[in-house]
Amino acid sequence: MASPYDGVRESTSGFIVTLHPLVILNLSDHFTRMRMQSQDKGSSSSSAGPKTIFGAIIGTQSGREIEIFNSYELPYTFSNEKGFVINNEYFLTKQEKFREVFPKYDLLGWYSVGAQPTEADLAVHKQILEHNESPLFIQLNPIINPVAKELPLAVYESVVDLDNGGNVLKFAKSKYKIETGEAERIALDHVARVSNAETDRGSSLVANLTGQRNAIKMLHARVQILRAYVRDVDNGILPRDHELLRQISAVCQRLPTMNSLEYRQEFLSDYNDILLGTYLASITKGTHAMNELVEKINVVSSERKAGKASRAMSGMSSFMV
């Protein structure tokens, strides 16, 4: 049987596919967790079949413009007879829950991993066709090329070809673009780049706090060294170095500056200004919520008055008749 994708076929449908970073982050996280869990289980999981991931992608479609906002994972089973089978009951339940939270989002397709589509992917794609007549297929390539300038991500559409007198379902690669909003960009910057405690990389907030913590730790360590030196000199363990002692004395002379009345007044002034700004922001937020509540009450009251007036007019007209 011919491969469902020849490696060069491009889509001619004219769809404009927009992909949000949250989908890429979910896909990468799903694959990473699967790999880590497989390593933890060891060889005991070999009987469960090939390890891969499947998930659904949701978003909006307006004409030929498709925007993918989010995704969720899909459990599956594997057998030598049927291959990969998506848990349809879980699929429907999950999709119904997403519709309750995001009523504007529709099922747009599914995702998996691999270098390019295979017959197994085509079989799963046919299962998704039961829920969407033209689903998209997002595939993440886990084998990363270090010199590649593009994301290891491809978006495919399904097309029908005539082969040996019959219709054959195949894949065609579609172009896509990455788009994100300001709030999403800030959140993803903090979530995607934040690292564990063993590394020095992270978001701008984590990097700032880590730098301050390291500076405090270094200052504390150096103060402990100076204390140990002065104690050893006082006990006669180390020789007295007057030049070094004068430098230590100069450092100690700066400390009373931090406890002066002027410093405390300036510190309290800045502290009170920050508290006042926070308090004003809270008041503004509460006032805005109160204004919205008053507007809603006015709308309901006006509708009730209009209803009473119409009923009164209808009663008066019937009385006159």
C-alpha atoms as a PDB file:
ATOM      1  CA  MET A   1       0.000   0.000   0.000  1.00  0.00           C
ATOM      2  CA  ALA A   2       1.286   3.477  -0.879  1.00  0.00           C
ATOM      3  CA  SER A   3       2.309   5.825   1.878  1.00  0.00           C
ATOM      4  CA  PRO A   4      -0.404   8.299   2.955  1.00  0.00           C
ATOM      5  CA  TYR A   5       2.077  11.141   2.420  1.00  0.00           C
ATOM      6  CA  ASP A   6       4.711  11.340  -0.300  1.00  0.00           C
ATOM      7  CA  GLY A   7       6.789  13.996   1.492  1.00  0.00           C
ATOM      8  CA  VAL A   8       6.263  16.762  -1.056  1.00  0.00           C
ATOM      9  CA  ARG A   9       2.529  17.234  -1.521  1.00  0.00           C
ATOM     10  CA  GLU A  10       1.276  20.655  -0.460  1.00  0.00           C
ATOM     11  CA  SER A  11      -2.289  21.616   0.353  1.00  0.00           C
ATOM     12  CA  THR A  12      -4.252  23.577  -2.252  1.00  0.00           C
ATOM     13  CA  SER A  13      -7.349  24.213  -0.142  1.00  0.00           C
ATOM     14  CA  GLY A  14      -6.349  27.769   0.720  1.00  0.00           C
ATOM     15  CA  PHE A  15      -6.912  27.361   4.462  1.00  0.00           C
ATOM     16  CA  ILE A  16      -5.209  29.969   6.665  1.00  0.00           C
ATOM     17  CA  VAL A  17      -4.158  28.022   9.761  1.00  0.00           C
ATOM     18  CA  THR A  18      -3.184  29.979  12.870  1.00  0.00           C
ATOM     19  CA  LEU A  19      -1.589  28.096  15.750  1.00  0.00           C
ATOM     20  CA  HIS A  20      -1.342  29.392  19.301  1.00  0.00           C
ATOM     21  CA  PRO A  21       1.732  28.533  21.436  1.00  0.00           C
ATOM     22  CA  LEU A  22      -0.399  26.855  24.112  1.00  0.00           C
ATOM     23  CA  VAL A  23      -1.068  23.963  21.726  1.00  0.00           C
ATOM     24  CA  ILE A  24       2.649  23.475  21.058  1.00  0.00           C
ATOM     25  CA  LEU A  25       3.378  23.618  24.781  1.00  0.00           C
ATOM     26  CA  ASN A  26       0.680  21.024  25.544  1.00  0.00           C
ATOM     27  CA  LEU A  27       1.914  18.716  22.811  1.00  0.00           C
ATOM     28  CA  SER A  28       5.542  18.921  23.929  1.00  0.00           C
ATOM     29  CA  ASP A  29       4.586  18.409  27.584  1.00  0.00           C
ATOM     30  CA  HIS A  30       2.410  15.403  26.699  1.00  0.00           C
ATOM     31  CA  PHE A  31       5.250  13.731  24.772  1.00  0.00           C
ATOM     32  CA  THR A  32       7.827  14.474  27.489  1.00  0.00           C
ATOM     33  CA  ARG A  33       5.642  12.958  30.206  1.00  0.00           C
ATOM     34  CA  MET A  34       5.021   9.878  28.075  1.00  0.00           C
ATOM     35  CA  ARG A  35       8.761   9.363  27.561  1.00  0.00           C
ATOM     36  CA  MET A  36       9.552   9.841  31.248  1.00  0.00           C
ATOM     37  CA  GLN A  37       6.772   7.486  32.348  1.00  0.00           C
ATOM     38  CA  SER A  38       7.946   4.862  29.852  1.00  0.00           C
ATOM     39  CA  GLN A  39      11.485   5.066  31.228  1.00  0.00           C
ATOM     40  CA  ASP A  40      10.217   4.717  34.795  1.00  0.00           C
ATOM     41  CA  LYS A  41       8.198   1.600  33.943  1.00  0.00           C
ATOM     42  CA  GLY A  42      11.135   0.035  32.070  1.00  0.00           C
ATOM     43  CA  SER A  43      10.757  -3.094  30.048  1.00  0.00           C
ATOM     44  CA  SER A  44       7.527  -4.090  31.817  1.00  0.00           C
ATOM     45  CA  SER A  45       5.547  -1.751  29.554  1.00  0.00           C
ATOM     46  CA  SER A  46       6.716  -3.367  26.316  1.00  0.00           C
ATOM     47  CA  SER A  47       3.580  -5.513  26.176  1.00  0.00           C
ATOM     48  CA  ALA A  48       1.336  -2.440  25.927  1.00  0.00           C
ATOM     49  CA  GLY A  49       2.363  -1.854  22.300  1.00  0.00           C
ATOM     50  CA  PRO A  50       4.172   1.064  20.638  1.00  0.00           C
ATOM     51  CA  LYS A  51       4.402   4.201  22.732  1.00  0.00           C
ATOM     52  CA  THR A  52       2.976   7.353  21.214  1.00  0.00           C
ATOM     53  CA  ILE A  53       0.560  10.152  22.101  1.00  0.00           C
ATOM     54  CA  PHE A  54      -2.788  11.307  20.742  1.00  0.00           C
ATOM     55  CA  GLY A  55      -4.810  14.404  21.487  1.00  0.00           C
ATOM     56  CA  ALA A  56      -7.559  16.618  20.109  1.00  0.00           C
ATOM     57  CA  ILE A  57      -7.168  20.237  19.006  1.00  0.00           C
ATOM     58  CA  ILE A  58      -9.936  22.813  19.394  1.00  0.00           C
ATOM     59  CA  GLY A  59     -10.456  26.341  18.167  1.00  0.00           C
ATOM     60  CA  THR A  60     -12.548  28.389  15.772  1.00  0.00           C
ATOM     61  CA  GLN A  61     -13.136  28.293  12.029  1.00  0.00           C
ATOM     62  CA  SER A  62     -14.568  31.125   9.999  1.00  0.00           C
ATOM     63  CA  GLY A  63     -14.647  30.284   6.319  1.00  0.00           C
ATOM     64  CA  ARG A  64     -11.091  29.357   5.359  1.00  0.00           C
ATOM     65  CA  GLU A  65      -9.549  30.919   8.454  1.00  0.00           C
ATOM     66  CA  ILE A  66      -8.757  28.334  11.141  1.00  0.00           C
ATOM     67  CA  GLU A  67      -7.418  29.368  14.555  1.00  0.00           C
ATOM     68  CA  ILE A  68      -6.261  26.647  16.974  1.00  0.00           C
ATOM     69  CA  PHE A  69      -6.364  27.777  20.599  1.00  0.00           C
ATOM     70  CA  ASN A  70      -6.110  24.719  22.827  1.00  0.00           C
ATOM     71  CA  SER A  71      -5.808  20.936  22.985  1.00  0.00           C
ATOM     72  CA  TYR A  72      -6.390  18.013  25.300  1.00  0.00           C
ATOM     73  CA  GLU A  73      -5.061  14.458  25.563  1.00  0.00           C
ATOM     74  CA  LEU A  74      -6.852  11.363  24.305  1.00  0.00           C
ATOM     75  CA  PRO A  75      -6.355   7.890  25.826  1.00  0.00           C
ATOM     76  CA  TYR A  76      -6.102   4.918  23.486  1.00  0.00           C
ATOM     77  CA  THR A  77      -5.686   1.163  23.321  1.00  0.00           C
ATOM     78  CA  PHE A  78      -3.510  -0.897  20.999  1.00  0.00           C
ATOM     79  CA  SER A  79      -3.931  -4.350  19.532  1.00  0.00           C
ATOM     80  CA  ASN A  80      -2.252  -6.168  16.663  1.00  0.00           C
ATOM     81  CA  GLU A  81      -5.611  -6.634  14.948  1.00  0.00           C
ATOM     82  CA  LYS A  82      -7.080  -3.111  15.219  1.00  0.00           C
ATOM     83  CA  GLY A  83      -3.966  -1.023  15.844  1.00  0.00           C
ATOM     84  CA  PHE A  84      -4.506   2.231  17.754  1.00  0.00           C
ATOM     85  CA  VAL A  85      -8.086   2.796  18.894  1.00  0.00           C
ATOM     86  CA  ILE A  86      -9.114   6.093  20.488  1.00  0.00           C
ATOM     87  CA  ASN A  87     -11.310   5.885  23.588  1.00  0.00           C
ATOM     88  CA  ASN A  88     -14.456   7.254  21.969  1.00  0.00           C
ATOM     89  CA  GLU A  89     -16.469   7.519  25.199  1.00  0.00           C
ATOM     90  CA  TYR A  90     -13.779   9.636  26.854  1.00  0.00           C
ATOM     91  CA  PHE A  91     -13.467  11.656  23.646  1.00  0.00           C
ATOM     92  CA  LEU A  92     -17.152  12.589  23.591  1.00  0.00           C
ATOM     93  CA  THR A  93     -17.266  13.347  27.331  1.00  0.00           C
ATOM     94  CA  LYS A  94     -14.200  15.570  27.168  1.00  0.00           C
ATOM     95  CA  GLN A  95     -15.472  17.415  24.121  1.00  0.00           C
ATOM     96  CA  GLU A  96     -18.815  18.062  25.830  1.00  0.00           C
ATOM     97  CA  LYS A  97     -17.059  19.508  28.886  1.00  0.00           C
ATOM     98  CA  PHE A  98     -14.962  21.801  26.717  1.00  0.00           C
ATOM     99  CA  ARG A  99     -18.091  23.024  24.946  1.00  0.00           C
ATOM    100  CA  GLU A 100     -19.560  24.027  28.305  1.00  0.00           C
ATOM    101  CA  VAL A 101     -16.475  26.077  29.190  1.00  0.00           C
ATOM    102  CA  PHE A 102     -15.598  27.310  25.679  1.00  0.00           C
ATOM    103  CA  PRO A 103     -18.866  27.360  23.700  1.00  0.00           C
ATOM    104  CA  LYS A 104     -17.206  29.029  20.700  1.00  0.00           C
ATOM    105  CA  TYR A 105     -14.506  26.348  20.320  1.00  0.00           C
ATOM    106  CA  ASP A 106     -15.098  23.437  17.955  1.00  0.00           C
ATOM    107  CA  LEU A 107     -13.170  20.244  17.331  1.00  0.00           C
ATOM    108  CA  LEU A 108     -10.673  20.985  14.562  1.00  0.00           C
ATOM    109  CA  GLY A 109      -8.571  17.830  14.453  1.00  0.00           C
ATOM    110  CA  TRP A 110      -5.993  15.844  16.408  1.00  0.00           C
ATOM    111  CA  TYR A 111      -2.250  15.594  17.078  1.00  0.00           C
ATOM    112  CA  SER A 112       0.452  12.963  17.442  1.00  0.00           C
ATOM    113  CA  VAL A 113       4.232  12.557  17.024  1.00  0.00           C
ATOM    114  CA  GLY A 114       6.402  11.208  14.223  1.00  0.00           C
ATOM    115  CA  ALA A 115       8.660  12.146  11.340  1.00  0.00           C
ATOM    116  CA  GLN A 116       5.835  11.991   8.784  1.00  0.00           C
ATOM    117  CA  PRO A 117       2.351  10.448   8.561  1.00  0.00           C
ATOM    118  CA  THR A 118       2.094   6.658   8.442  1.00  0.00           C
ATOM    119  CA  GLU A 119      -0.664   4.128   7.830  1.00  0.00           C
ATOM    120  CA  ALA A 120      -1.264   3.980  11.595  1.00  0.00           C
ATOM    121  CA  ASP A 121      -1.824   7.756  11.616  1.00  0.00           C
ATOM    122  CA  LEU A 122      -4.216   7.409   8.698  1.00  0.00           C
ATOM    123  CA  ALA A 123      -6.226   4.817  10.626  1.00  0.00           C
ATOM    124  CA  VAL A 124      -6.521   7.175  13.614  1.00  0.00           C
ATOM    125  CA  HIS A 125      -7.423  10.016  11.237  1.00  0.00           C
ATOM    126  CA  LYS A 126     -10.371   7.971   9.955  1.00  0.00           C
ATOM    127  CA  GLN A 127     -11.601   7.648  13.544  1.00  0.00           C
ATOM    128  CA  ILE A 128     -11.523  11.443  13.933  1.00  0.00           C
ATOM    129  CA  LEU A 129     -13.494  11.752  10.676  1.00  0.00           C
ATOM    130  CA  GLU A 130     -16.503  10.445  12.600  1.00  0.00           C
ATOM    131  CA  HIS A 131     -16.517  13.711  14.596  1.00  0.00           C
ATOM    132  CA  ASN A 132     -15.230  16.180  11.973  1.00  0.00           C
ATOM    133  CA  GLU A 133     -15.592  15.798   8.225  1.00  0.00           C
ATOM    134  CA  SER A 134     -12.317  17.602   7.485  1.00  0.00           C
ATOM    135  CA  PRO A 135      -9.985  17.400  10.509  1.00  0.00           C
ATOM    136  CA  LEU A 136      -6.465  18.779  10.689  1.00  0.00           C
ATOM    137  CA  PHE A 137      -3.537  16.651  11.798  1.00  0.00           C
ATOM    138  CA  ILE A 138      -0.681  18.257  13.765  1.00  0.00           C
ATOM    139  CA  GLN A 139       2.458  16.140  14.001  1.00  0.00           C
ATOM    140  CA  LEU A 140       5.459  16.865  16.218  1.00  0.00           C
ATOM    141  CA  ASN A 141       8.788  15.423  15.137  1.00  0.00           C
ATOM    142  CA  PRO A 142      10.630  14.351  18.318  1.00  0.00           C
ATOM    143  CA  ILE A 143      13.938  14.020  16.424  1.00  0.00           C
ATOM    144  CA  ILE A 144      15.188  17.605  16.475  1.00  0.00           C
ATOM    145  CA  ASN A 145      17.688  18.853  13.923  1.00  0.00           C
ATOM    146  CA  PRO A 146      20.144  21.172  15.766  1.00  0.00           C
ATOM    147  CA  VAL A 147      20.689  23.347  12.683  1.00  0.00           C
ATOM    148  CA  ALA A 148      17.009  23.605  11.722  1.00  0.00           C
ATOM    149  CA  LYS A 149      15.496  27.089  11.737  1.00  0.00           C
ATOM    150  CA  GLU A 150      11.859  25.958  11.797  1.00  0.00           C
ATOM    151  CA  LEU A 151       9.773  24.298  14.463  1.00  0.00           C
ATOM    152  CA  PRO A 152       9.706  20.479  14.255  1.00  0.00           C
ATOM    153  CA  LEU A 153       5.974  20.734  13.681  1.00  0.00           C
ATOM    154  CA  ALA A 154       3.809  20.045  10.649  1.00  0.00           C
ATOM    155  CA  VAL A 155       0.107  20.554   9.931  1.00  0.00           C
ATOM    156  CA  TYR A 156      -1.625  18.201   7.490  1.00  0.00           C
ATOM    157  CA  GLU A 157      -4.999  18.168   5.780  1.00  0.00           C
ATOM    158  CA  SER A 158      -6.744  15.085   4.420  1.00  0.00           C
ATOM    159  CA  VAL A 159      -7.371  14.842   0.686  1.00  0.00           C
ATOM    160  CA  VAL A 160      -9.055  12.172  -1.409  1.00  0.00           C
ATOM    161  CA  ASP A 161      -7.181  10.765  -4.432  1.00  0.00           C
ATOM    162  CA  LEU A 162      -8.221   8.358  -7.154  1.00  0.00           C
ATOM    163  CA  ASP A 163      -6.048   5.245  -7.012  1.00  0.00           C
ATOM    164  CA  ASN A 164      -6.751   2.047  -8.936  1.00  0.00           C
ATOM    165  CA  GLY A 165     -10.275   3.159  -9.639  1.00  0.00           C
ATOM    166  CA  GLY A 166     -11.133   3.930  -6.005  1.00  0.00           C
ATOM    167  CA  ASN A 167     -10.974   6.804  -3.541  1.00  0.00           C
ATOM    168  CA  VAL A 168      -7.890   6.830  -1.306  1.00  0.00           C
ATOM    169  CA  LEU A 169      -7.437   9.121   1.691  1.00  0.00           C
ATOM    170  CA  LYS A 170      -4.046  10.819   1.876  1.00  0.00           C
ATOM    171  CA  PHE A 171      -2.340  13.728   3.668  1.00  0.00           C
ATOM    172  CA  ALA A 172      -1.242  17.082   2.261  1.00  0.00           C
ATOM    173  CA  LYS A 173       0.968  19.475   4.191  1.00  0.00           C
ATOM    174  CA  SER A 174      -0.573  22.829   5.028  1.00  0.00           C
ATOM    175  CA  LYS A 175       1.176  26.085   5.893  1.00  0.00           C
ATOM    176  CA  TYR A 176       0.580  27.669   9.285  1.00  0.00           C
ATOM    177  CA  LYS A 177       1.584  30.674  11.332  1.00  0.00           C
ATOM    178  CA  ILE A 178       2.123  31.231  15.046  1.00  0.00           C
ATOM    179  CA  GLU A 179       0.081  33.933  16.738  1.00  0.00           C
ATOM    180  CA  THR A 180      -0.352  34.903  20.378  1.00  0.00           C
ATOM    181  CA  GLY A 181      -1.857  37.662  22.487  1.00  0.00           C
ATOM    182  CA  GLU A 182      -0.090  39.812  25.056  1.00  0.00           C
ATOM    183  CA  ALA A 183      -1.535  37.998  28.091  1.00  0.00           C
ATOM    184  CA  GLU A 184      -0.804  34.602  26.565  1.00  0.00           C
ATOM    185  CA  ARG A 185       2.747  35.658  25.733  1.00  0.00           C
ATOM    186  CA  ILE A 186       3.474  36.720  29.314  1.00  0.00           C
ATOM    187  CA  ALA A 187       2.011  33.535  30.797  1.00  0.00           C
ATOM    188  CA  LEU A 188       3.828  31.243  28.371  1.00  0.00           C
ATOM    189  CA  ASP A 189       7.101  33.047  28.939  1.00  0.00           C
ATOM    190  CA  HIS A 190       6.822  32.296  32.647  1.00  0.00           C
ATOM    191  CA  VAL A 191       5.566  28.719  32.252  1.00  0.00           C
ATOM    192  CA  ALA A 192       7.648  27.526  29.323  1.00  0.00           C
ATOM    193  CA  ARG A 193      10.985  28.966  30.346  1.00  0.00           C
ATOM    194  CA  VAL A 194      10.830  28.493  34.087  1.00  0.00           C
ATOM    195  CA  SER A 195      13.316  25.787  35.022  1.00  0.00           C
ATOM    196  CA  ASN A 196      14.017  23.531  37.947  1.00  0.00           C
ATOM    197  CA  ALA A 197      16.278  24.414  40.857  1.00  0.00           C
ATOM    198  CA  GLU A 198      19.330  22.760  39.294  1.00  0.00           C
ATOM    199  CA  THR A 199      19.602  25.221  36.411  1.00  0.00           C
ATOM    200  CA  ASP A 200      20.133  28.961  36.161  1.00  0.00           C
ATOM    201  CA  ARG A 201      17.689  29.654  33.333  1.00  0.00           C
ATOM    202  CA  GLY A 202      14.108  30.789  33.704  1.00  0.00           C
ATOM    203  CA  SER A 203      11.676  33.589  33.096  1.00  0.00           C
ATOM    204  CA  SER A 204      12.561  37.210  33.778  1.00  0.00           C
ATOM    205  CA  LEU A 205      10.807  37.119  37.177  1.00  0.00           C
ATOM    206  CA  VAL A 206      12.601  33.955  38.288  1.00  0.00           C
ATOM    207  CA  ALA A 207      15.927  35.282  37.010  1.00  0.00           C
ATOM    208  CA  ASN A 208      15.494  38.516  38.982  1.00  0.00           C
ATOM    209  CA  LEU A 209      14.562  36.732  42.215  1.00  0.00           C
ATOM    210  CA  THR A 210      17.344  34.187  41.754  1.00  0.00           C
ATOM    211  CA  GLY A 211      19.886  36.987  41.294  1.00  0.00           C
ATOM    212  CA  GLN A 212      18.753  38.702  44.478  1.00  0.00           C
ATOM    213  CA  ARG A 213      18.886  35.456  46.440  1.00  0.00           C
ATOM    214  CA  ASN A 214      22.398  34.681  45.190  1.00  0.00           C
ATOM    215  CA  ALA A 215      23.576  38.199  46.074  1.00  0.00           C
ATOM    216  CA  ILE A 216      22.210  37.877  49.621  1.00  0.00           C
ATOM    217  CA  LYS A 217      23.792  34.464  50.037  1.00  0.00           C
ATOM    218  CA  MET A 218      27.149  35.785  48.838  1.00  0.00           C
ATOM    219  CA  LEU A 219      26.952  38.785  51.187  1.00  0.00           C
ATOM    220  CA  HIS A 220      26.106  36.525  54.107  1.00  0.00           C
ATOM    221  CA  ALA A 221      29.020  34.188  53.302  1.00  0.00           C
ATOM    222  CA  ARG A 222      31.494  37.067  53.137  1.00  0.00           C
ATOM    223  CA  VAL A 223      30.240  38.574  56.401  1.00  0.00           C
ATOM    224  CA  GLN A 224      30.768  35.176  58.040  1.00  0.00           C
ATOM    225  CA  ILE A 225      34.339  35.115  56.729  1.00  0.00           C
ATOM    226  CA  LEU A 226      35.008  38.562  58.224  1.00  0.00           C
ATOM    227  CA  ARG A 227      33.526  37.480  61.563  1.00  0.00           C
ATOM    228  CA  ALA A 228      35.660  34.357  61.615  1.00  0.00           C
ATOM    229  CA  TYR A 229      38.804  36.377  60.844  1.00  0.00           C
ATOM    230  CA  VAL A 230      38.135  38.945  63.595  1.00  0.00           C
ATOM    231  CA  ARG A 231      37.369  36.158  66.090  1.00  0.00           C
ATOM    232  CA  ASP A 232      40.586  34.296  65.211  1.00  0.00           C
ATOM    233  CA  VAL A 233      42.641  37.489  65.490  1.00  0.00           C
ATOM    234  CA  ASP A 234      41.069  38.254  68.855  1.00  0.00           C
ATOM    235  CA  ASN A 235      41.888  34.726  70.079  1.00  0.00           C
ATOM    236  CA  GLY A 236      45.470  34.982  68.832  1.00  0.00           C
ATOM    237  CA  ILE A 237      45.094  32.249  66.197  1.00  0.00           C
ATOM    238  CA  LEU A 238      45.868  34.596  63.282  1.00  0.00           C
ATOM    239  CA  PRO A 239      48.337  37.515  63.171  1.00  0.00           C
ATOM    240  CA  ARG A 240      46.912  41.016  63.374  1.00  0.00           C
ATOM    241  CA  ASP A 241      46.749  42.784  59.977  1.00  0.00           C
ATOM    242  CA  HIS A 242      46.000  46.466  60.643  1.00  0.00           C
ATOM    243  CA  GLU A 243      45.259  47.282  57.003  1.00  0.00           C
ATOM    244  CA  LEU A 244      42.651  44.532  56.761  1.00  0.00           C
ATOM    245  CA  LEU A 245      41.164  45.480  60.119  1.00  0.00           C
ATOM    246  CA  ARG A 246      40.772  49.096  58.963  1.00  0.00           C
ATOM    247  CA  GLN A 247      38.898  47.889  55.882  1.00  0.00           C
ATOM    248  CA  ILE A 248      36.610  45.765  58.048  1.00  0.00           C
ATOM    249  CA  SER A 249      36.041  48.742  60.333  1.00  0.00           C
ATOM    250  CA  ALA A 250      35.103  50.885  57.307  1.00  0.00           C
ATOM    251  CA  VAL A 251      32.517  48.301  56.290  1.00  0.00           C
ATOM    252  CA  CYS A 252      31.096  48.236  59.813  1.00  0.00           C
ATOM    253  CA  GLN A 253      30.849  52.031  59.881  1.00  0.00           C
ATOM    254  CA  ARG A 254      28.343  51.882  57.030  1.00  0.00           C
ATOM    255  CA  LEU A 255      25.877  49.816  59.041  1.00  0.00           C
ATOM    256  CA  PRO A 256      24.554  52.622  61.289  1.00  0.00           C
ATOM    257  CA  THR A 257      23.486  54.441  58.137  1.00  0.00           C
ATOM    258  CA  MET A 258      20.873  51.744  57.584  1.00  0.00           C
ATOM    259  CA  ASN A 259      19.484  52.290  61.095  1.00  0.00           C
ATOM    260  CA  SER A 260      19.384  56.059  61.008  1.00  0.00           C
ATOM    261  CA  LEU A 261      16.199  58.064  61.440  1.00  0.00           C
ATOM    262  CA  GLU A 262      16.425  59.463  57.896  1.00  0.00           C
ATOM    263  CA  TYR A 263      16.659  55.978  56.398  1.00  0.00           C
ATOM    264  CA  ARG A 264      13.691  54.691  58.374  1.00  0.00           C
ATOM    265  CA  GLN A 265      11.569  57.681  57.376  1.00  0.00           C
ATOM    266  CA  GLU A 266      12.430  57.283  53.684  1.00  0.00           C
ATOM    267  CA  PHE A 267      11.806  53.538  53.830  1.00  0.00           C
ATOM    268  CA  LEU A 268       8.413  53.970  55.511  1.00  0.00           C
ATOM    269  CA  SER A 269       7.463  56.658  53.006  1.00  0.00           C
ATOM    270  CA  ASP A 270       8.168  54.376  50.029  1.00  0.00           C
ATOM    271  CA  TYR A 271       6.461  51.474  51.763  1.00  0.00           C
ATOM    272  CA  ASN A 272       3.334  53.531  52.456  1.00  0.00           C
ATOM    273  CA  ASP A 273       3.272  54.771  48.848  1.00  0.00           C
ATOM    274  CA  ILE A 274       3.271  51.183  47.578  1.00  0.00           C
ATOM    275  CA  LEU A 275       0.512  50.189  49.995  1.00  0.00           C
ATOM    276  CA  LEU A 276      -1.526  53.221  48.970  1.00  0.00           C
ATOM    277  CA  GLY A 277      -1.174  52.341  45.277  1.00  0.00           C
ATOM    278  CA  THR A 278      -2.307  48.780  45.973  1.00  0.00           C
ATOM    279  CA  TYR A 279      -5.237  50.042  48.015  1.00  0.00           C
ATOM    280  CA  LEU A 280      -6.324  52.464  45.271  1.00  0.00           C
ATOM    281  CA  ALA A 281      -6.113  49.683  42.685  1.00  0.00           C
ATOM    282  CA  SER A 282      -8.361  47.497  44.843  1.00  0.00           C
ATOM    283  CA  ILE A 283     -10.847  50.337  45.285  1.00  0.00           C
ATOM    284  CA  THR A 284     -10.877  50.987  41.528  1.00  0.00           C
ATOM    285  CA  LYS A 285     -11.497  47.323  40.800  1.00  0.00           C
ATOM    286  CA  GLY A 286     -14.312  47.175  43.347  1.00  0.00           C
ATOM    287  CA  THR A 287     -15.885  50.363  41.967  1.00  0.00           C
ATOM    288  CA  HIS A 288     -15.772  48.962  38.433  1.00  0.00           C
ATOM    289  CA  ALA A 289     -17.480  45.753  39.565  1.00  0.00           C
ATOM    290  CA  MET A 290     -20.107  47.812  41.416  1.00  0.00           C
ATOM    291  CA  ASN A 291     -20.778  49.942  38.316  1.00  0.00           C
ATOM    292  CA  GLU A 292     -21.300  46.814  36.217  1.00  0.00           C
ATOM    293  CA  LEU A 293     -23.734  45.468  38.833  1.00  0.00           C
ATOM    294  CA  VAL A 294     -25.674  48.739  38.892  1.00  0.00           C
ATOM    295  CA  GLU A 295     -25.890  48.759  35.081  1.00  0.00           C
ATOM    296  CA  LYS A 296     -27.252  45.213  35.068  1.00  0.00           C
ATOM    297  CA  ILE A 297     -29.827  46.119  37.752  1.00  0.00           C
ATOM    298  CA  ASN A 298     -30.904  49.155  35.723  1.00  0.00           C
ATOM    299  CA  VAL A 299     -31.331  47.031  32.603  1.00  0.00           C
ATOM    300  CA  VAL A 300     -33.465  44.488  34.471  1.00  0.00           C
ATOM    301  CA  SER A 301     -35.540  47.250  36.106  1.00  0.00           C
ATOM    302  CA  SER A 302     -36.168  49.004  32.784  1.00  0.00           C
ATOM    303  CA  GLU A 303     -37.254  45.729  31.181  1.00  0.00           C
ATOM    304  CA  ARG A 304     -39.657  45.044  34.055  1.00  0.00           C
ATOM    305  CA  LYS A 305     -41.116  48.561  33.851  1.00  0.00           C
ATOM    306  CA  ALA A 306     -41.533  48.226  30.090  1.00  0.00           C
ATOM    307  CA  GLY A 307     -43.318  44.894  30.615  1.00  0.00           C
ATOM    308  CA  LYS A 308     -45.668  46.346  33.220  1.00  0.00           C
ATOM    309  CA  ALA A 309     -46.412  49.335  30.990  1.00  0.00           C
ATOM    310  CA  SER A 310     -47.224  47.120  28.005  1.00  0.00           C
ATOM    311  CA  ARG A 311     -49.495  44.956  30.139  1.00  0.00           C
ATOM    312  CA  ALA A 312     -51.225  48.049  31.507  1.00  0.00           C
ATOM    313  CA  MET A 313     -51.772  49.430  28.011  1.00  0.00           C
ATOM    314  CA  SER A 314     -53.147  46.126  26.778  1.00  0.00           C
ATOM    315  CA  GLY A 315     -55.514  45.940  29.791  1.00  0.00           C
ATOM    316  CA  MET A 316     -56.707  49.496  29.248  1.00  0.00           C
ATOM    317  CA  SER A 317     -57.332  48.885  25.558  1.00  0.00           C
ATOM    318  CA  SER A 318     -59.330  45.738  26.311  1.00  0.00           C
ATOM    319  CA  PHE A 319     -61.342  47.649  28.958  1.00  0.00           C
ATOM    320  CA  MET A 320     -62.172  50.412  26.468  1.00  0.00           C
ATOM    321  CA  VAL A 321     -63.300  47.857  23.940  1.00  0.00           C
END
